[in-house]
């Protein structure tokens, strides 16, 4: 899905469609599902939330209801156009790919990270991590610092697993928004040097605002 973030399915593609949705859920990705006929949208959120939209387009404002995965619906139906959507930092994922199983690394990190995905995919092991701090992510710089501290404290065995990865990416997620103020984010030079020393790439994903 990195190469093809948009997919179109015909009625005969039910099995492929189900696999694509299951894959997005397993990785904790945001995904938007639109269906025809009718004016219905389903939004899968990375924070375990589903949003159902109905009646959008055709001059209508559109309405939404929210459901947290696995629990009862929360909150009343509301008019989506009332929601202010400035750009904002969402999260930082550490995405690792390796030809070797990374289970030992997961066990070592224990309570310090939250495992978003840990599976074998296309002959490689994929591990996606987020910080497990009880405090909400403050900004991109704070999250970067926390992850770099975790990596810096690796013992030799974990560092060997890290260095054996075929890909190591600090993946920053931002909501593009449609309202002021503009979002200004800076990763200082010393952190960039640290990422370079540990062989990590930087990825940036900006999720576009989707009007009703």
C-alpha atoms as a PDB file:
ATOM      1  CA  UNK A   1       0.000   0.000   0.000  1.00  0.00           C
ATOM      2  CA  UNK A   2       3.016   2.302   0.203  1.00  0.00           C
ATOM      3  CA  UNK A   3       3.268   2.125  -3.593  1.00  0.00           C
ATOM      4  CA  UNK A   4      -0.508   2.134  -4.252  1.00  0.00           C
ATOM      5  CA  UNK A   5      -2.359   3.903  -1.407  1.00  0.00           C
ATOM      6  CA  UNK A   6      -5.609   3.919  -3.397  1.00  0.00           C
ATOM      7  CA  UNK A   7      -7.435   0.795  -4.525  1.00  0.00           C
ATOM      8  CA  UNK A   8     -10.643   0.244  -6.485  1.00  0.00           C
ATOM      9  CA  UNK A   9     -12.650  -2.928  -6.076  1.00  0.00           C
ATOM     10  CA  UNK A  10     -15.434  -4.303  -8.247  1.00  0.00           C
ATOM     11  CA  UNK A  11     -18.330  -6.423  -6.872  1.00  0.00           C
ATOM     12  CA  UNK A  12     -16.432  -9.581  -7.853  1.00  0.00           C
ATOM     13  CA  UNK A  13     -13.424  -8.520  -5.722  1.00  0.00           C
ATOM     14  CA  UNK A  14     -14.973  -9.192  -2.324  1.00  0.00           C
ATOM     15  CA  UNK A  15     -12.133 -11.430  -1.130  1.00  0.00           C
ATOM     16  CA  UNK A  16      -9.428  -8.971  -2.213  1.00  0.00           C
ATOM     17  CA  UNK A  17     -11.341  -6.105  -0.599  1.00  0.00           C
ATOM     18  CA  UNK A  18     -11.609  -7.994   2.694  1.00  0.00           C
ATOM     19  CA  UNK A  19      -7.868  -8.734   2.673  1.00  0.00           C
ATOM     20  CA  UNK A  20      -7.031  -5.065   2.043  1.00  0.00           C
ATOM     21  CA  UNK A  21      -9.193  -3.920   4.961  1.00  0.00           C
ATOM     22  CA  UNK A  22      -7.769  -6.616   7.244  1.00  0.00           C
ATOM     23  CA  UNK A  23      -4.235  -5.543   6.308  1.00  0.00           C
ATOM     24  CA  UNK A  24      -4.991  -1.878   7.118  1.00  0.00           C
ATOM     25  CA  UNK A  25      -6.484  -2.870  10.483  1.00  0.00           C
ATOM     26  CA  UNK A  26      -3.534  -5.087  11.381  1.00  0.00           C
ATOM     27  CA  UNK A  27      -1.032  -2.306  10.644  1.00  0.00           C
ATOM     28  CA  UNK A  28      -3.083   0.352  12.413  1.00  0.00           C
ATOM     29  CA  UNK A  29      -3.292   2.561   9.334  1.00  0.00           C
ATOM     30  CA  UNK A  30      -5.858   5.207   8.522  1.00  0.00           C
ATOM     31  CA  UNK A  31      -8.066   4.149   5.609  1.00  0.00           C
ATOM     32  CA  UNK A  32     -11.079   5.640   3.839  1.00  0.00           C
ATOM     33  CA  UNK A  33     -13.674   3.347   2.243  1.00  0.00           C
ATOM     34  CA  UNK A  34     -16.256   4.781  -0.169  1.00  0.00           C
ATOM     35  CA  UNK A  35     -19.070   2.719  -1.692  1.00  0.00           C
ATOM     36  CA  UNK A  36     -21.424   3.080  -4.641  1.00  0.00           C
ATOM     37  CA  UNK A  37     -24.356   3.320  -5.026  1.00  0.00           C
ATOM     38  CA  UNK A  38     -25.266   5.604  -2.184  1.00  0.00           C
ATOM     39  CA  UNK A  39     -23.397   8.274  -0.306  1.00  0.00           C
ATOM     40  CA  UNK A  40     -21.654   6.396   2.459  1.00  0.00           C
ATOM     41  CA  UNK A  41     -18.105   6.563   3.810  1.00  0.00           C
ATOM     42  CA  UNK A  42     -16.243   4.476   6.373  1.00  0.00           C
ATOM     43  CA  UNK A  43     -13.075   5.870   7.936  1.00  0.00           C
ATOM     44  CA  UNK A  44     -10.716   3.478   9.768  1.00  0.00           C
ATOM     45  CA  UNK A  45      -8.539   5.400  12.205  1.00  0.00           C
ATOM     46  CA  UNK A  46      -5.130   4.423  13.561  1.00  0.00           C
ATOM     47  CA  UNK A  47      -6.394   5.090  17.116  1.00  0.00           C
ATOM     48  CA  UNK A  48      -8.952   2.236  17.037  1.00  0.00           C
ATOM     49  CA  UNK A  49     -11.882   4.398  15.964  1.00  0.00           C
ATOM     50  CA  UNK A  50     -14.382   3.935  13.166  1.00  0.00           C
ATOM     51  CA  UNK A  51     -16.253   6.857  11.621  1.00  0.00           C
ATOM     52  CA  UNK A  52     -19.363   6.315   9.514  1.00  0.00           C
ATOM     53  CA  UNK A  53     -20.451   9.147   7.228  1.00  0.00           C
ATOM     54  CA  UNK A  54     -23.751   9.291   5.446  1.00  0.00           C
ATOM     55  CA  UNK A  55     -25.508  11.779   3.202  1.00  0.00           C
ATOM     56  CA  UNK A  56     -22.407  13.657   2.037  1.00  0.00           C
ATOM     57  CA  UNK A  57     -22.282  15.461  -1.293  1.00  0.00           C
ATOM     58  CA  UNK A  58     -25.237  16.709  -3.301  1.00  0.00           C
ATOM     59  CA  UNK A  59     -25.291  19.958  -1.350  1.00  0.00           C
ATOM     60  CA  UNK A  60     -25.699  18.167   1.994  1.00  0.00           C
ATOM     61  CA  UNK A  61     -23.391  18.839   4.898  1.00  0.00           C
ATOM     62  CA  UNK A  62     -22.990  15.186   5.776  1.00  0.00           C
ATOM     63  CA  UNK A  63     -23.217  13.577   9.170  1.00  0.00           C
ATOM     64  CA  UNK A  64     -20.988  11.229  11.078  1.00  0.00           C
ATOM     65  CA  UNK A  65     -21.192   8.851  13.970  1.00  0.00           C
ATOM     66  CA  UNK A  66     -18.223   7.403  15.812  1.00  0.00           C
ATOM     67  CA  UNK A  67     -17.624   3.900  17.132  1.00  0.00           C
ATOM     68  CA  UNK A  68     -14.589   2.736  19.014  1.00  0.00           C
ATOM     69  CA  UNK A  69     -13.625  -0.715  17.799  1.00  0.00           C
ATOM     70  CA  UNK A  70     -15.126  -3.380  20.040  1.00  0.00           C
ATOM     71  CA  UNK A  71     -17.212  -1.066  22.243  1.00  0.00           C
ATOM     72  CA  UNK A  72     -20.560   0.693  22.145  1.00  0.00           C
ATOM     73  CA  UNK A  73     -21.024   3.854  20.040  1.00  0.00           C
ATOM     74  CA  UNK A  74     -19.794   7.031  21.693  1.00  0.00           C
ATOM     75  CA  UNK A  75     -20.961  10.578  21.235  1.00  0.00           C
ATOM     76  CA  UNK A  76     -23.954  11.918  19.325  1.00  0.00           C
ATOM     77  CA  UNK A  77     -24.244  12.344  15.594  1.00  0.00           C
ATOM     78  CA  UNK A  78     -22.864  15.743  14.617  1.00  0.00           C
ATOM     79  CA  UNK A  79     -22.511  18.008  11.600  1.00  0.00           C
ATOM     80  CA  UNK A  80     -19.028  17.463  10.224  1.00  0.00           C
ATOM     81  CA  UNK A  81     -18.654  20.980   8.849  1.00  0.00           C
ATOM     82  CA  UNK A  82     -18.707  22.315  12.451  1.00  0.00           C
ATOM     83  CA  UNK A  83     -15.410  20.605  13.216  1.00  0.00           C
ATOM     84  CA  UNK A  84     -12.315  22.830  13.039  1.00  0.00           C
ATOM     85  CA  UNK A  85      -9.465  20.960  11.364  1.00  0.00           C
ATOM     86  CA  UNK A  86      -6.086  22.704  11.655  1.00  0.00           C
ATOM     87  CA  UNK A  87      -2.972  20.811  10.574  1.00  0.00           C
ATOM     88  CA  UNK A  88      -1.425  18.795  13.396  1.00  0.00           C
ATOM     89  CA  UNK A  89       1.198  16.235  14.240  1.00  0.00           C
ATOM     90  CA  UNK A  90      -0.395  12.817  14.727  1.00  0.00           C
ATOM     91  CA  UNK A  91       2.264  10.304  15.634  1.00  0.00           C
ATOM     92  CA  UNK A  92       5.707   8.879  15.002  1.00  0.00           C
ATOM     93  CA  UNK A  93       6.025   5.248  13.988  1.00  0.00           C
ATOM     94  CA  UNK A  94       9.295   3.359  13.954  1.00  0.00           C
ATOM     95  CA  UNK A  95       9.050   0.992  10.987  1.00  0.00           C
ATOM     96  CA  UNK A  96      11.541  -1.865  10.787  1.00  0.00           C
ATOM     97  CA  UNK A  97      11.948  -4.481   8.062  1.00  0.00           C
ATOM     98  CA  UNK A  98      14.276  -7.425   8.385  1.00  0.00           C
ATOM     99  CA  UNK A  99      15.058 -10.822   6.934  1.00  0.00           C
ATOM    100  CA  UNK A 100      15.191 -12.126  10.526  1.00  0.00           C
ATOM    101  CA  UNK A 101      12.498 -12.487  13.168  1.00  0.00           C
ATOM    102  CA  UNK A 102      12.358  -9.400  15.419  1.00  0.00           C
ATOM    103  CA  UNK A 103      10.518 -11.051  18.328  1.00  0.00           C
ATOM    104  CA  UNK A 104      13.539 -10.696  20.617  1.00  0.00           C
ATOM    105  CA  UNK A 105      13.545  -6.946  20.032  1.00  0.00           C
ATOM    106  CA  UNK A 106       9.835  -6.749  20.873  1.00  0.00           C
ATOM    107  CA  UNK A 107      10.418  -8.693  24.103  1.00  0.00           C
ATOM    108  CA  UNK A 108      13.335  -6.449  25.074  1.00  0.00           C
ATOM    109  CA  UNK A 109      11.384  -3.218  24.566  1.00  0.00           C
ATOM    110  CA  UNK A 110       8.474  -4.590  26.614  1.00  0.00           C
ATOM    111  CA  UNK A 111       6.485  -1.690  28.128  1.00  0.00           C
ATOM    112  CA  UNK A 112       8.448   1.104  26.441  1.00  0.00           C
ATOM    113  CA  UNK A 113       6.728   0.774  23.088  1.00  0.00           C
ATOM    114  CA  UNK A 114       3.379  -0.245  21.640  1.00  0.00           C
ATOM    115  CA  UNK A 115       3.500  -2.814  18.853  1.00  0.00           C
ATOM    116  CA  UNK A 116       1.319  -1.639  15.946  1.00  0.00           C
ATOM    117  CA  UNK A 117       2.297  -4.480  13.633  1.00  0.00           C
ATOM    118  CA  UNK A 118       4.559  -7.508  13.930  1.00  0.00           C
ATOM    119  CA  UNK A 119       4.281  -9.991  11.103  1.00  0.00           C
ATOM    120  CA  UNK A 120       5.968 -11.615   8.151  1.00  0.00           C
ATOM    121  CA  UNK A 121       5.025  -9.979   4.862  1.00  0.00           C
ATOM    122  CA  UNK A 122       6.440 -10.492   1.373  1.00  0.00           C
ATOM    123  CA  UNK A 123       9.299 -12.657   2.717  1.00  0.00           C
ATOM    124  CA  UNK A 124      10.301 -10.003   5.241  1.00  0.00           C
ATOM    125  CA  UNK A 125       9.509  -9.423   8.887  1.00  0.00           C
ATOM    126  CA  UNK A 126       7.707  -6.142   9.471  1.00  0.00           C
ATOM    127  CA  UNK A 127       7.688  -4.409  12.861  1.00  0.00           C
ATOM    128  CA  UNK A 128       5.889  -1.104  13.455  1.00  0.00           C
ATOM    129  CA  UNK A 129       6.259   0.563  16.864  1.00  0.00           C
ATOM    130  CA  UNK A 130       4.868   3.597  18.639  1.00  0.00           C
ATOM    131  CA  UNK A 131       5.865   4.998  22.008  1.00  0.00           C
ATOM    132  CA  UNK A 132       3.902   3.558  24.920  1.00  0.00           C
ATOM    133  CA  UNK A 133       4.121   6.651  27.117  1.00  0.00           C
ATOM    134  CA  UNK A 134       0.977   7.371  29.128  1.00  0.00           C
ATOM    135  CA  UNK A 135       1.366  11.041  28.221  1.00  0.00           C
ATOM    136  CA  UNK A 136       0.113  12.024  24.752  1.00  0.00           C
ATOM    137  CA  UNK A 137       2.695  12.675  22.074  1.00  0.00           C
ATOM    138  CA  UNK A 138       3.787  16.284  22.507  1.00  0.00           C
ATOM    139  CA  UNK A 139       5.335  16.935  19.114  1.00  0.00           C
ATOM    140  CA  UNK A 140       7.571  15.369  16.490  1.00  0.00           C
ATOM    141  CA  UNK A 141      10.753  16.472  18.256  1.00  0.00           C
ATOM    142  CA  UNK A 142       9.680  14.938  21.586  1.00  0.00           C
ATOM    143  CA  UNK A 143       8.789  11.611  19.968  1.00  0.00           C
ATOM    144  CA  UNK A 144      12.056  11.570  18.034  1.00  0.00           C
ATOM    145  CA  UNK A 145      14.045  12.153  21.214  1.00  0.00           C
ATOM    146  CA  UNK A 146      12.219   9.349  23.042  1.00  0.00           C
ATOM    147  CA  UNK A 147      12.849   6.816  20.280  1.00  0.00           C
ATOM    148  CA  UNK A 148      16.508   7.806  19.975  1.00  0.00           C
ATOM    149  CA  UNK A 149      16.936   7.240  23.708  1.00  0.00           C
ATOM    150  CA  UNK A 150      15.442   3.764  23.371  1.00  0.00           C
ATOM    151  CA  UNK A 151      17.802   2.912  20.498  1.00  0.00           C
ATOM    152  CA  UNK A 152      20.834   4.371  22.271  1.00  0.00           C
ATOM    153  CA  UNK A 153      20.241   2.045  25.246  1.00  0.00           C
ATOM    154  CA  UNK A 154      20.184  -1.143  23.151  1.00  0.00           C
ATOM    155  CA  UNK A 155      22.497  -3.888  24.474  1.00  0.00           C
ATOM    156  CA  UNK A 156      24.796  -5.556  21.958  1.00  0.00           C
ATOM    157  CA  UNK A 157      22.328  -8.297  21.002  1.00  0.00           C
ATOM    158  CA  UNK A 158      19.528  -5.843  20.275  1.00  0.00           C
ATOM    159  CA  UNK A 159      21.879  -3.528  18.415  1.00  0.00           C
ATOM    160  CA  UNK A 160      22.861  -6.450  16.197  1.00  0.00           C
ATOM    161  CA  UNK A 161      19.182  -7.047  15.358  1.00  0.00           C
ATOM    162  CA  UNK A 162      18.769  -3.351  14.624  1.00  0.00           C
ATOM    163  CA  UNK A 163      21.785  -3.224  12.337  1.00  0.00           C
ATOM    164  CA  UNK A 164      20.647  -6.355  10.509  1.00  0.00           C
ATOM    165  CA  UNK A 165      17.373  -4.687   9.490  1.00  0.00           C
ATOM    166  CA  UNK A 166      17.050  -4.028   5.793  1.00  0.00           C
ATOM    167  CA  UNK A 167      15.071  -0.858   6.494  1.00  0.00           C
ATOM    168  CA  UNK A 168      14.758   1.451   9.527  1.00  0.00           C
ATOM    169  CA  UNK A 169      12.400   4.411   9.195  1.00  0.00           C
ATOM    170  CA  UNK A 170      11.215   7.165  11.497  1.00  0.00           C
ATOM    171  CA  UNK A 171       7.776   7.633   9.960  1.00  0.00           C
ATOM    172  CA  UNK A 172       6.074  10.923  10.899  1.00  0.00           C
ATOM    173  CA  UNK A 173       2.336  11.300  10.422  1.00  0.00           C
ATOM    174  CA  UNK A 174       0.603  14.671  10.043  1.00  0.00           C
ATOM    175  CA  UNK A 175      -2.991  15.708   9.410  1.00  0.00           C
ATOM    176  CA  UNK A 176      -3.017  18.288   6.621  1.00  0.00           C
ATOM    177  CA  UNK A 177      -6.094  20.079   7.949  1.00  0.00           C
ATOM    178  CA  UNK A 178      -7.892  22.935   6.252  1.00  0.00           C
ATOM    179  CA  UNK A 179      -7.873  25.688   8.891  1.00  0.00           C
ATOM    180  CA  UNK A 180      -5.356  28.088  10.441  1.00  0.00           C
ATOM    181  CA  UNK A 181      -2.880  28.218  12.043  1.00  0.00           C
ATOM    182  CA  UNK A 182      -0.188  26.669   9.886  1.00  0.00           C
ATOM    183  CA  UNK A 183       1.890  23.916  11.486  1.00  0.00           C
ATOM    184  CA  UNK A 184       5.619  24.559  11.907  1.00  0.00           C
ATOM    185  CA  UNK A 185       7.692  21.494  12.829  1.00  0.00           C
ATOM    186  CA  UNK A 186      11.475  21.332  13.152  1.00  0.00           C
ATOM    187  CA  UNK A 187      13.720  18.354  13.793  1.00  0.00           C
ATOM    188  CA  UNK A 188      17.007  19.827  15.070  1.00  0.00           C
ATOM    189  CA  UNK A 189      20.333  19.014  13.460  1.00  0.00           C
ATOM    190  CA  UNK A 190      21.674  16.999  16.392  1.00  0.00           C
ATOM    191  CA  UNK A 191      18.711  14.611  16.162  1.00  0.00           C
ATOM    192  CA  UNK A 192      19.186  14.274  12.416  1.00  0.00           C
ATOM    193  CA  UNK A 193      22.829  13.365  13.039  1.00  0.00           C
ATOM    194  CA  UNK A 194      21.765  10.766  15.605  1.00  0.00           C
ATOM    195  CA  UNK A 195      19.306   9.228  13.149  1.00  0.00           C
ATOM    196  CA  UNK A 196      22.038   9.137  10.536  1.00  0.00           C
ATOM    197  CA  UNK A 197      24.445   7.423  12.920  1.00  0.00           C
ATOM    198  CA  UNK A 198      21.944   4.633  13.663  1.00  0.00           C
ATOM    199  CA  UNK A 199      21.171   4.214   9.969  1.00  0.00           C
ATOM    200  CA  UNK A 200      17.560   5.399  10.108  1.00  0.00           C
ATOM    201  CA  UNK A 201      15.629   6.996   7.262  1.00  0.00           C
ATOM    202  CA  UNK A 202      12.953   9.662   7.631  1.00  0.00           C
ATOM    203  CA  UNK A 203       9.468   9.226   6.191  1.00  0.00           C
ATOM    204  CA  UNK A 204       6.672  11.800   6.246  1.00  0.00           C
ATOM    205  CA  UNK A 205       3.014  11.090   5.605  1.00  0.00           C
ATOM    206  CA  UNK A 206       0.552  13.987   5.355  1.00  0.00           C
ATOM    207  CA  UNK A 207      -3.061  12.887   5.468  1.00  0.00           C
ATOM    208  CA  UNK A 208      -5.208  15.251   3.365  1.00  0.00           C
ATOM    209  CA  UNK A 209      -8.336  16.822   4.737  1.00  0.00           C
ATOM    210  CA  UNK A 210     -11.374  15.227   3.104  1.00  0.00           C
ATOM    211  CA  UNK A 211     -14.243  17.715   2.844  1.00  0.00           C
ATOM    212  CA  UNK A 212     -17.841  16.540   3.107  1.00  0.00           C
END
